[in-house]
PDB file of N, CA and C in Angstrom:
ATOM      1  N   MET A   1     -20.921  29.782 -25.503  1.00  0.00           N
ATOM      2  CA  MET A   1     -21.026  29.954 -24.065  1.00  0.00           C
ATOM      3  C   MET A   1     -22.158  30.945 -23.776  1.00  0.00           C
ATOM      4  N   ARG A   2     -22.945  30.598 -22.765  1.00  0.00           N
ATOM      5  CA  ARG A   2     -24.049  31.490 -22.406  1.00  0.00           C
ATOM      6  C   ARG A   2     -23.530  32.818 -21.884  1.00  0.00           C
ATOM      7  N   LYS A   3     -24.339  33.854 -22.086  1.00  0.00           N
ATOM      8  CA  LYS A   3     -23.947  35.212 -21.695  1.00  0.00           C
ATOM      9  C   LYS A   3     -23.677  35.312 -20.189  1.00  0.00           C
ATOM     10  N   GLU A   4     -24.502  34.659 -19.374  1.00  0.00           N
ATOM     11  CA  GLU A   4     -24.334  34.734 -17.920  1.00  0.00           C
ATOM     12  C   GLU A   4     -22.997  34.132 -17.493  1.00  0.00           C
ATOM     13  N   ILE A   5     -22.641  33.008 -18.072  1.00  0.00           N
ATOM     14  CA  ILE A   5     -21.379  32.340 -17.711  1.00  0.00           C
ATOM     15  C   ILE A   5     -20.197  33.187 -18.172  1.00  0.00           C
ATOM     16  N   LYS A   6     -20.317  33.773 -19.364  1.00  0.00           N
ATOM     17  CA  LYS A   6     -19.249  34.624 -19.875  1.00  0.00           C
ATOM     18  C   LYS A   6     -19.048  35.830 -18.948  1.00  0.00           C
ATOM     19  N   MET A   7     -20.128  36.439 -18.503  1.00  0.00           N
ATOM     20  CA  MET A   7     -20.036  37.580 -17.586  1.00  0.00           C
ATOM     21  C   MET A   7     -19.430  37.151 -16.244  1.00  0.00           C
ATOM     22  N   LEU A   8     -19.769  35.955 -15.787  1.00  0.00           N
ATOM     23  CA  LEU A   8     -19.206  35.435 -14.540  1.00  0.00           C
ATOM     24  C   LEU A   8     -17.695  35.309 -14.660  1.00  0.00           C
ATOM     25  N   TRP A   9     -17.204  34.736 -15.761  1.00  0.00           N
ATOM     26  CA  TRP A   9     -15.764  34.571 -15.953  1.00  0.00           C
ATOM     27  C   TRP A   9     -15.067  35.922 -16.085  1.00  0.00           C
ATOM     28  N   ILE A  10     -15.703  36.886 -16.720  1.00  0.00           N
ATOM     29  CA  ILE A  10     -15.120  38.224 -16.825  1.00  0.00           C
ATOM     30  C   ILE A  10     -15.002  38.842 -15.432  1.00  0.00           C
ATOM     31  N   GLY A  11     -16.039  38.699 -14.623  1.00  0.00           N
ATOM     32  CA  GLY A  11     -16.003  39.213 -13.251  1.00  0.00           C
ATOM     33  C   GLY A  11     -14.916  38.555 -12.421  1.00  0.00           C
ATOM     34  N   ILE A  12     -14.760  37.244 -12.550  1.00  0.00           N
ATOM     35  CA  ILE A  12     -13.718  36.528 -11.807  1.00  0.00           C
ATOM     36  C   ILE A  12     -12.336  36.990 -12.262  1.00  0.00           C
ATOM     37  N   ALA A  13     -12.159  37.191 -13.573  1.00  0.00           N
ATOM     38  CA  ALA A  13     -10.872  37.673 -14.098  1.00  0.00           C
ATOM     39  C   ALA A  13     -10.549  39.058 -13.544  1.00  0.00           C
ATOM     40  N   ILE A  14     -11.548  39.923 -13.470  1.00  0.00           N
ATOM     41  CA  ILE A  14     -11.326  41.273 -12.915  1.00  0.00           C
ATOM     42  C   ILE A  14     -10.911  41.175 -11.450  1.00  0.00           C
ATOM     43  N   LEU A  15     -11.564  40.310 -10.678  1.00  0.00           N
ATOM     44  CA  LEU A  15     -11.195  40.141  -9.269  1.00  0.00           C
ATOM     45  C   LEU A  15      -9.776  39.602  -9.122  1.00  0.00           C
ATOM     46  N   ALA A  16      -9.367  38.682 -10.003  1.00  0.00           N
ATOM     47  CA  ALA A  16      -8.005  38.150  -9.947  1.00  0.00           C
ATOM     48  C   ALA A  16      -6.989  39.251 -10.224  1.00  0.00           C
ATOM     49  N   ILE A  17      -7.293  40.095 -11.198  1.00  0.00           N
ATOM     50  CA  ILE A  17      -6.386  41.188 -11.543  1.00  0.00           C
ATOM     51  C   ILE A  17      -6.319  42.215 -10.423  1.00  0.00           C
ATOM     52  N   LEU A  18      -7.430  42.413  -9.716  1.00  0.00           N
ATOM     53  CA  LEU A  18      -7.462  43.379  -8.613  1.00  0.00           C
ATOM     54  C   LEU A  18      -6.912  42.815  -7.297  1.00  0.00           C
ATOM     55  N   SER A  19      -6.581  41.532  -7.266  1.00  0.00           N
ATOM     56  CA  SER A  19      -6.140  40.910  -6.017  1.00  0.00           C
ATOM     57  C   SER A  19      -4.939  41.594  -5.363  1.00  0.00           C
ATOM     58  N   PRO A  20      -4.009  42.220  -6.101  1.00  0.00           N
ATOM     59  CA  PRO A  20      -2.892  42.889  -5.417  1.00  0.00           C
ATOM     60  C   PRO A  20      -3.288  44.092  -4.576  1.00  0.00           C
ATOM     61  N   ILE A  21      -4.535  44.516  -4.636  1.00  0.00           N
ATOM     62  CA  ILE A  21      -4.966  45.629  -3.780  1.00  0.00           C
ATOM     63  C   ILE A  21      -4.729  45.273  -2.318  1.00  0.00           C
ATOM     64  N   GLY A  22      -4.737  43.981  -2.015  1.00  0.00           N
ATOM     65  CA  GLY A  22      -4.454  43.536  -0.652  1.00  0.00           C
ATOM     66  C   GLY A  22      -3.080  43.959  -0.160  1.00  0.00           C
ATOM     67  N   LEU A  23      -2.172  44.245  -1.077  1.00  0.00           N
ATOM     68  CA  LEU A  23      -0.841  44.713  -0.677  1.00  0.00           C
ATOM     69  C   LEU A  23      -0.886  46.086  -0.030  1.00  0.00           C
ATOM     70  N   LEU A  24      -1.935  46.844  -0.309  1.00  0.00           N
ATOM     71  CA  LEU A  24      -2.047  48.183   0.257  1.00  0.00           C
ATOM     72  C   LEU A  24      -2.520  48.161   1.710  1.00  0.00           C
ATOM     73  N   ALA A  25      -3.125  47.057   2.129  1.00  0.00           N
ATOM     74  CA  ALA A  25      -3.639  46.950   3.494  1.00  0.00           C
ATOM     75  C   ALA A  25      -2.488  46.787   4.477  1.00  0.00           C
ATOM     76  N   SER A  26      -2.693  47.279   5.675  1.00  0.00           N
ATOM     77  CA  SER A  26      -1.664  47.113   6.702  1.00  0.00           C
ATOM     78  C   SER A  26      -1.916  45.820   7.469  1.00  0.00           C
ATOM     79  N   GLY A  27      -0.879  45.276   8.055  1.00  0.00           N
ATOM     80  CA  GLY A  27      -1.005  44.061   8.839  1.00  0.00           C
ATOM     81  C   GLY A  27      -0.963  42.802   7.984  1.00  0.00           C
ATOM     82  N   ASP A  28      -1.264  41.689   8.625  1.00  0.00           N
ATOM     83  CA  ASP A  28      -1.237  40.392   7.947  1.00  0.00           C
ATOM     84  C   ASP A  28      -2.606  40.028   7.421  1.00  0.00           C
ATOM     85  N   ALA A  29      -2.625  39.204   6.391  1.00  0.00           N
ATOM     86  CA  ALA A  29      -3.887  38.702   5.862  1.00  0.00           C
ATOM     87  C   ALA A  29      -4.485  37.721   6.870  1.00  0.00           C
ATOM     88  N   TRP A  30      -5.809  37.666   6.928  1.00  0.00           N
ATOM     89  CA  TRP A  30      -6.482  36.795   7.878  1.00  0.00           C
ATOM     90  C   TRP A  30      -6.122  35.345   7.582  1.00  0.00           C
ATOM     91  N   GLY A  31      -5.687  34.633   8.588  1.00  0.00           N
ATOM     92  CA  GLY A  31      -5.391  33.212   8.466  1.00  0.00           C
ATOM     93  C   GLY A  31      -3.994  32.902   7.956  1.00  0.00           C
ATOM     94  N   GLU A  32      -3.207  33.909   7.681  1.00  0.00           N
ATOM     95  CA  GLU A  32      -1.849  33.674   7.184  1.00  0.00           C
ATOM     96  C   GLU A  32      -0.819  33.956   8.271  1.00  0.00           C
ATOM     97  N   TRP A  33      -1.136  33.545   9.481  1.00  0.00           N
ATOM     98  CA  TRP A  33      -0.247  33.806  10.601  1.00  0.00           C
ATOM     99  C   TRP A  33       0.709  32.644  10.780  1.00  0.00           C
ATOM    100  N   GLY A  34       1.908  32.982  11.152  1.00  0.00           N
ATOM    101  CA  GLY A  34       2.896  31.971  11.509  1.00  0.00           C
ATOM    102  C   GLY A  34       3.020  31.911  13.019  1.00  0.00           C
ATOM    103  N   ALA A  35       3.927  31.080  13.477  1.00  0.00           N
ATOM    104  CA  ALA A  35       4.109  30.896  14.913  1.00  0.00           C
ATOM    105  C   ALA A  35       4.504  32.205  15.600  1.00  0.00           C
ATOM    106  N   GLU A  36       5.329  33.009  14.941  1.00  0.00           N
ATOM    107  CA  GLU A  36       5.775  34.260  15.559  1.00  0.00           C
ATOM    108  C   GLU A  36       4.628  35.258  15.750  1.00  0.00           C
ATOM    109  N   GLU A  37       3.694  35.291  14.804  1.00  0.00           N
ATOM    110  CA  GLU A  37       2.541  36.192  14.956  1.00  0.00           C
ATOM    111  C   GLU A  37       1.683  35.767  16.143  1.00  0.00           C
ATOM    112  N   PHE A  38       1.507  34.453  16.314  1.00  0.00           N
ATOM    113  CA  PHE A  38       0.752  33.964  17.474  1.00  0.00           C
ATOM    114  C   PHE A  38       1.462  34.344  18.766  1.00  0.00           C
ATOM    115  N   LYS A  39       2.778  34.222  18.767  1.00  0.00           N
ATOM    116  CA  LYS A  39       3.530  34.551  19.976  1.00  0.00           C
ATOM    117  C   LYS A  39       3.373  36.026  20.333  1.00  0.00           C
ATOM    118  N   LYS A  40       3.372  36.897  19.319  1.00  0.00           N
ATOM    119  CA  LYS A  40       3.199  38.329  19.569  1.00  0.00           C
ATOM    120  C   LYS A  40       1.825  38.624  20.166  1.00  0.00           C
ATOM    121  N   VAL A  41       0.783  37.973  19.624  1.00  0.00           N
ATOM    122  CA  VAL A  41      -0.581  38.264  20.044  1.00  0.00           C
ATOM    123  C   VAL A  41      -0.939  37.557  21.350  1.00  0.00           C
ATOM    124  N   LEU A  42      -0.608  36.266  21.432  1.00  0.00           N
ATOM    125  CA  LEU A  42      -1.011  35.470  22.592  1.00  0.00           C
ATOM    126  C   LEU A  42       0.020  35.451  23.716  1.00  0.00           C
ATOM    127  N   GLY A  43       1.264  35.718  23.370  1.00  0.00           N
ATOM    128  CA  GLY A  43       2.325  35.626  24.370  1.00  0.00           C
ATOM    129  C   GLY A  43       2.961  34.249  24.418  1.00  0.00           C
ATOM    130  N   PHE A  44       2.451  33.319  23.651  1.00  0.00           N
ATOM    131  CA  PHE A  44       3.024  31.973  23.581  1.00  0.00           C
ATOM    132  C   PHE A  44       2.623  31.341  22.251  1.00  0.00           C
ATOM    133  N   ILE A  45       3.284  30.268  21.896  1.00  0.00           N
ATOM    134  CA  ILE A  45       2.931  29.520  20.690  1.00  0.00           C
ATOM    135  C   ILE A  45       2.162  28.284  21.129  1.00  0.00           C
ATOM    136  N   PRO A  46       0.933  28.092  20.635  1.00  0.00           N
ATOM    137  CA  PRO A  46       0.174  26.899  21.018  1.00  0.00           C
ATOM    138  C   PRO A  46       0.974  25.632  20.720  1.00  0.00           C
ATOM    139  N   PRO A  47       0.925  24.643  21.632  1.00  0.00           N
ATOM    140  CA  PRO A  47       1.748  23.441  21.483  1.00  0.00           C
ATOM    141  C   PRO A  47       1.537  22.704  20.148  1.00  0.00           C
ATOM    142  N   GLY A  48       0.309  22.595  19.698  1.00  0.00           N
ATOM    143  CA  GLY A  48       0.048  21.909  18.427  1.00  0.00           C
ATOM    144  C   GLY A  48       0.680  22.634  17.252  1.00  0.00           C
ATOM    145  N   LEU A  49       0.597  23.966  17.267  1.00  0.00           N
ATOM    146  CA  LEU A  49       1.198  24.758  16.195  1.00  0.00           C
ATOM    147  C   LEU A  49       2.713  24.623  16.223  1.00  0.00           C
ATOM    148  N   LYS A  50       3.273  24.645  17.420  1.00  0.00           N
ATOM    149  CA  LYS A  50       4.727  24.506  17.544  1.00  0.00           C
ATOM    150  C   LYS A  50       5.171  23.140  17.020  1.00  0.00           C
ATOM    151  N   HIS A  51       4.403  22.105  17.332  1.00  0.00           N
ATOM    152  CA  HIS A  51       4.754  20.742  16.929  1.00  0.00           C
ATOM    153  C   HIS A  51       4.695  20.560  15.412  1.00  0.00           C
ATOM    154  N   PHE A  52       3.670  21.122  14.776  1.00  0.00           N
ATOM    155  CA  PHE A  52       3.456  20.890  13.350  1.00  0.00           C
ATOM    156  C   PHE A  52       3.937  22.030  12.444  1.00  0.00           C
ATOM    157  N   SER A  53       4.519  23.083  13.001  1.00  0.00           N
ATOM    158  CA  SER A  53       4.861  24.251  12.185  1.00  0.00           C
ATOM    159  C   SER A  53       5.911  23.970  11.120  1.00  0.00           C
ATOM    160  N   ASP A  54       6.767  22.999  11.322  1.00  0.00           N
ATOM    161  CA  ASP A  54       7.789  22.685  10.323  1.00  0.00           C
ATOM    162  C   ASP A  54       7.354  21.596   9.351  1.00  0.00           C
ATOM    163  N   LEU A  55       6.126  21.126   9.489  1.00  0.00           N
ATOM    164  CA  LEU A  55       5.625  20.052   8.632  1.00  0.00           C
ATOM    165  C   LEU A  55       5.426  20.511   7.195  1.00  0.00           C
ATOM    166  N   TRP A  56       5.021  21.755   7.002  1.00  0.00           N
ATOM    167  CA  TRP A  56       4.708  22.266   5.662  1.00  0.00           C
ATOM    168  C   TRP A  56       5.368  23.623   5.459  1.00  0.00           C
ATOM    169  N   ASN A  57       6.014  23.765   4.333  1.00  0.00           N
ATOM    170  CA  ASN A  57       6.563  25.061   3.934  1.00  0.00           C
ATOM    171  C   ASN A  57       5.918  25.453   2.621  1.00  0.00           C
ATOM    172  N   ALA A  58       5.506  26.698   2.518  1.00  0.00           N
ATOM    173  CA  ALA A  58       4.837  27.178   1.311  1.00  0.00           C
ATOM    174  C   ALA A  58       5.787  27.086   0.115  1.00  0.00           C
ATOM    175  N   PRO A  59       5.271  26.665  -1.048  1.00  0.00           N
ATOM    176  CA  PRO A  59       6.138  26.586  -2.226  1.00  0.00           C
ATOM    177  C   PRO A  59       6.629  27.959  -2.686  1.00  0.00           C
ATOM    178  N   LEU A  60       5.823  28.988  -2.495  1.00  0.00           N
ATOM    179  CA  LEU A  60       6.211  30.362  -2.838  1.00  0.00           C
ATOM    180  C   LEU A  60       5.904  31.261  -1.637  1.00  0.00           C
ATOM    181  N   PRO A  61       6.785  31.279  -0.625  1.00  0.00           N
ATOM    182  CA  PRO A  61       6.511  32.081   0.567  1.00  0.00           C
ATOM    183  C   PRO A  61       6.280  33.550   0.224  1.00  0.00           C
ATOM    184  N   ASP A  62       5.302  34.123   0.879  1.00  0.00           N
ATOM    185  CA  ASP A  62       4.933  35.536   0.696  1.00  0.00           C
ATOM    186  C   ASP A  62       4.605  35.876  -0.754  1.00  0.00           C
ATOM    187  N   TYR A  63       4.142  34.880  -1.508  1.00  0.00           N
ATOM    188  CA  TYR A  63       3.722  35.064  -2.906  1.00  0.00           C
ATOM    189  C   TYR A  63       4.844  35.585  -3.801  1.00  0.00           C
ATOM    190  N   THR A  64       6.076  35.308  -3.450  1.00  0.00           N
ATOM    191  CA  THR A  64       7.185  35.776  -4.273  1.00  0.00           C
ATOM    192  C   THR A  64       7.653  34.667  -5.200  1.00  0.00           C
ATOM    193  N   ILE A  65       7.951  35.043  -6.425  1.00  0.00           N
ATOM    194  CA  ILE A  65       8.466  34.102  -7.410  1.00  0.00           C
ATOM    195  C   ILE A  65       9.960  34.372  -7.527  1.00  0.00           C
ATOM    196  N   PRO A  66      10.790  33.353  -7.290  1.00  0.00           N
ATOM    197  CA  PRO A  66      12.244  33.572  -7.350  1.00  0.00           C
ATOM    198  C   PRO A  66      12.665  34.190  -8.684  1.00  0.00           C
ATOM    199  N   GLY A  67      13.477  35.214  -8.611  1.00  0.00           N
ATOM    200  CA  GLY A  67      13.973  35.876  -9.808  1.00  0.00           C
ATOM    201  C   GLY A  67      13.140  37.070 -10.240  1.00  0.00           C
ATOM    202  N   LEU A  68      11.908  37.148  -9.777  1.00  0.00           N
ATOM    203  CA  LEU A  68      11.060  38.297 -10.116  1.00  0.00           C
ATOM    204  C   LEU A  68      11.012  39.235  -8.915  1.00  0.00           C
ATOM    205  N   HIS A  69      11.092  40.495  -9.172  1.00  0.00           N
ATOM    206  CA  HIS A  69      11.066  41.472  -8.081  1.00  0.00           C
ATOM    207  C   HIS A  69       9.780  42.271  -8.111  1.00  0.00           C
ATOM    208  N   ASN A  70       8.684  41.587  -8.456  1.00  0.00           N
ATOM    209  CA  ASN A  70       7.386  42.247  -8.550  1.00  0.00           C
ATOM    210  C   ASN A  70       6.384  41.422  -7.743  1.00  0.00           C
ATOM    211  N   ASP A  71       5.955  41.941  -6.586  1.00  0.00           N
ATOM    212  CA  ASP A  71       5.020  41.212  -5.725  1.00  0.00           C
ATOM    213  C   ASP A  71       3.666  41.000  -6.382  1.00  0.00           C
ATOM    214  N   TYR A  72       3.266  41.899  -7.247  1.00  0.00           N
ATOM    215  CA  TYR A  72       1.949  41.811  -7.859  1.00  0.00           C
ATOM    216  C   TYR A  72       1.797  40.559  -8.710  1.00  0.00           C
ATOM    217  N   ILE A  73       2.843  40.148  -9.398  1.00  0.00           N
ATOM    218  CA  ILE A  73       2.771  38.964 -10.258  1.00  0.00           C
ATOM    219  C   ILE A  73       2.478  37.724  -9.423  1.00  0.00           C
ATOM    220  N   GLY A  74       3.099  37.615  -8.266  1.00  0.00           N
ATOM    221  CA  GLY A  74       2.849  36.474  -7.386  1.00  0.00           C
ATOM    222  C   GLY A  74       1.414  36.439  -6.891  1.00  0.00           C
ATOM    223  N   TYR A  75       0.885  37.590  -6.516  1.00  0.00           N
ATOM    224  CA  TYR A  75      -0.499  37.651  -6.039  1.00  0.00           C
ATOM    225  C   TYR A  75      -1.483  37.296  -7.149  1.00  0.00           C
ATOM    226  N   ILE A  76      -1.281  37.872  -8.326  1.00  0.00           N
ATOM    227  CA  ILE A  76      -2.172  37.584  -9.450  1.00  0.00           C
ATOM    228  C   ILE A  76      -2.052  36.116  -9.844  1.00  0.00           C
ATOM    229  N   GLY A  77      -0.828  35.603  -9.867  1.00  0.00           N
ATOM    230  CA  GLY A  77      -0.622  34.184 -10.192  1.00  0.00           C
ATOM    231  C   GLY A  77      -1.321  33.267  -9.200  1.00  0.00           C
ATOM    232  N   ALA A  78      -1.218  33.586  -7.908  1.00  0.00           N
ATOM    233  CA  ALA A  78      -1.882  32.783  -6.880  1.00  0.00           C
ATOM    234  C   ALA A  78      -3.397  32.837  -7.046  1.00  0.00           C
ATOM    235  N   ALA A  79      -3.925  34.015  -7.379  1.00  0.00           N
ATOM    236  CA  ALA A  79      -5.366  34.154  -7.598  1.00  0.00           C
ATOM    237  C   ALA A  79      -5.813  33.313  -8.793  1.00  0.00           C
ATOM    238  N   ILE A  80      -5.055  33.367  -9.876  1.00  0.00           N
ATOM    239  CA  ILE A  80      -5.428  32.615 -11.078  1.00  0.00           C
ATOM    240  C   ILE A  80      -5.346  31.112 -10.830  1.00  0.00           C
ATOM    241  N   VAL A  81      -4.273  30.658 -10.180  1.00  0.00           N
ATOM    242  CA  VAL A  81      -4.146  29.226  -9.869  1.00  0.00           C
ATOM    243  C   VAL A  81      -5.286  28.785  -8.957  1.00  0.00           C
ATOM    244  N   GLY A  82      -5.616  29.595  -7.953  1.00  0.00           N
ATOM    245  CA  GLY A  82      -6.729  29.258  -7.056  1.00  0.00           C
ATOM    246  C   GLY A  82      -8.051  29.167  -7.796  1.00  0.00           C
ATOM    247  N   ILE A  83      -8.304  30.107  -8.689  1.00  0.00           N
ATOM    248  CA  ILE A  83      -9.547  30.094  -9.468  1.00  0.00           C
ATOM    249  C   ILE A  83      -9.616  28.841 -10.331  1.00  0.00           C
ATOM    250  N   ILE A  84      -8.503  28.509 -10.988  1.00  0.00           N
ATOM    251  CA  ILE A  84      -8.476  27.320 -11.857  1.00  0.00           C
ATOM    252  C   ILE A  84      -8.713  26.057 -11.041  1.00  0.00           C
ATOM    253  N   LEU A  85      -8.046  25.923  -9.889  1.00  0.00           N
ATOM    254  CA  LEU A  85      -8.227  24.727  -9.065  1.00  0.00           C
ATOM    255  C   LEU A  85      -9.659  24.596  -8.545  1.00  0.00           C
ATOM    256  N   VAL A  86     -10.240  25.699  -8.102  1.00  0.00           N
ATOM    257  CA  VAL A  86     -11.625  25.658  -7.619  1.00  0.00           C
ATOM    258  C   VAL A  86     -12.578  25.325  -8.767  1.00  0.00           C
ATOM    259  N   ALA A  87     -12.352  25.888  -9.944  1.00  0.00           N
ATOM    260  CA  ALA A  87     -13.210  25.607 -11.104  1.00  0.00           C
ATOM    261  C   ALA A  87     -13.126  24.132 -11.498  1.00  0.00           C
ATOM    262  N   ILE A  88     -11.910  23.577 -11.520  1.00  0.00           N
ATOM    263  CA  ILE A  88     -11.748  22.159 -11.874  1.00  0.00           C
ATOM    264  C   ILE A  88     -12.427  21.271 -10.835  1.00  0.00           C
ATOM    265  N   PHE A  89     -12.209  21.562  -9.558  1.00  0.00           N
ATOM    266  CA  PHE A  89     -12.830  20.767  -8.499  1.00  0.00           C
ATOM    267  C   PHE A  89     -14.351  20.832  -8.584  1.00  0.00           C
ATOM    268  N   THR A  90     -14.886  22.029  -8.814  1.00  0.00           N
ATOM    269  CA  THR A  90     -16.339  22.195  -8.918  1.00  0.00           C
ATOM    270  C   THR A  90     -16.886  21.454 -10.126  1.00  0.00           C
ATOM    271  N   TRP A  91     -16.187  21.503 -11.242  1.00  0.00           N
ATOM    272  CA  TRP A  91     -16.620  20.805 -12.456  1.00  0.00           C
ATOM    273  C   TRP A  91     -16.637  19.291 -12.229  1.00  0.00           C
ATOM    274  N   ILE A  92     -15.576  18.756 -11.612  1.00  0.00           N
ATOM    275  CA  ILE A  92     -15.511  17.315 -11.331  1.00  0.00           C
ATOM    276  C   ILE A  92     -16.617  16.916 -10.365  1.00  0.00           C
ATOM    277  N   LEU A  93     -16.814  17.697  -9.327  1.00  0.00           N
ATOM    278  CA  LEU A  93     -17.873  17.401  -8.359  1.00  0.00           C
ATOM    279  C   LEU A  93     -19.243  17.441  -9.034  1.00  0.00           C
ATOM    280  N   GLY A  94     -19.470  18.427  -9.910  1.00  0.00           N
ATOM    281  CA  GLY A  94     -20.734  18.511 -10.641  1.00  0.00           C
ATOM    282  C   GLY A  94     -20.962  17.301 -11.525  1.00  0.00           C
ATOM    283  N   LYS A  95     -19.919  16.849 -12.228  1.00  0.00           N
ATOM    284  CA  LYS A  95     -20.034  15.648 -13.069  1.00  0.00           C
ATOM    285  C   LYS A  95     -20.356  14.420 -12.222  1.00  0.00           C
ATOM    286  N   PHE A  96     -19.682  14.299 -11.090  1.00  0.00           N
ATOM    287  CA  PHE A  96     -19.896  13.168 -10.196  1.00  0.00           C
ATOM    288  C   PHE A  96     -21.333  13.157  -9.654  1.00  0.00           C
ATOM    289  N   LEU A  97     -21.808  14.315  -9.213  1.00  0.00           N
ATOM    290  CA  LEU A  97     -23.162  14.394  -8.656  1.00  0.00           C
ATOM    291  C   LEU A  97     -24.225  14.211  -9.748  1.00  0.00           C
ATOM    292  N   ALA A  98     -23.952  14.677 -10.958  1.00  0.00           N
ATOM    293  CA  ALA A  98     -24.912  14.501 -12.062  1.00  0.00           C
ATOM    294  C   ALA A  98     -25.026  13.024 -12.424  1.00  0.00           C
ATOM    295  N   LYS A  99     -23.904  12.287 -12.420  1.00  0.00           N
ATOM    296  CA  LYS A  99     -23.926  10.847 -12.688  1.00  0.00           C
ATOM    297  C   LYS A  99     -24.716  10.109 -11.600  1.00  0.00           C
ATOM    298  N   LYS A 100     -24.499  10.533 -10.369  1.00  0.00           N
ATOM    299  CA  LYS A 100     -25.159   9.882  -9.223  1.00  0.00           C
ATOM    300  C   LYS A 100     -26.677  10.024  -9.317  1.00  0.00           C
ATOM    301  N   GLU A 101     -27.154  11.181  -9.783  1.00  0.00           N
ATOM    302  CA  GLU A 101     -28.591  11.414  -9.886  1.00  0.00           C
ATOM    303  C   GLU A 101     -29.208  10.664 -11.056  1.00  0.00           C
ATOM    304  N   ALA A 102     -28.431  10.446 -12.128  1.00  0.00           N
ATOM    305  CA  ALA A 102     -28.946   9.799 -13.333  1.00  0.00           C
ATOM    306  C   ALA A 102     -29.107   8.318 -13.196  1.00  0.00           C
TER     307      ALA A 102
END
């Protein structure tokens, strides 16, 4: 493996491990609002959000893993799964685009 790629993966691993630092911040994470947060801020729940809010439930709400009482593991796990999914998608897209050009 080239040195640059190895350093990139080391940097990504460090960021995944540091992801629980977000637990120290106050308030909600950007974009992770539910209907109740909208109601507090706006004074009402937008009709589309109200209609579709029960359509999807997170598999691990609030990054908690049942049976574990450590929030950090859920955050790190979510970061690692996200990194793996993005890497796989990028690799597949790169293969597809390389074939298209050839």
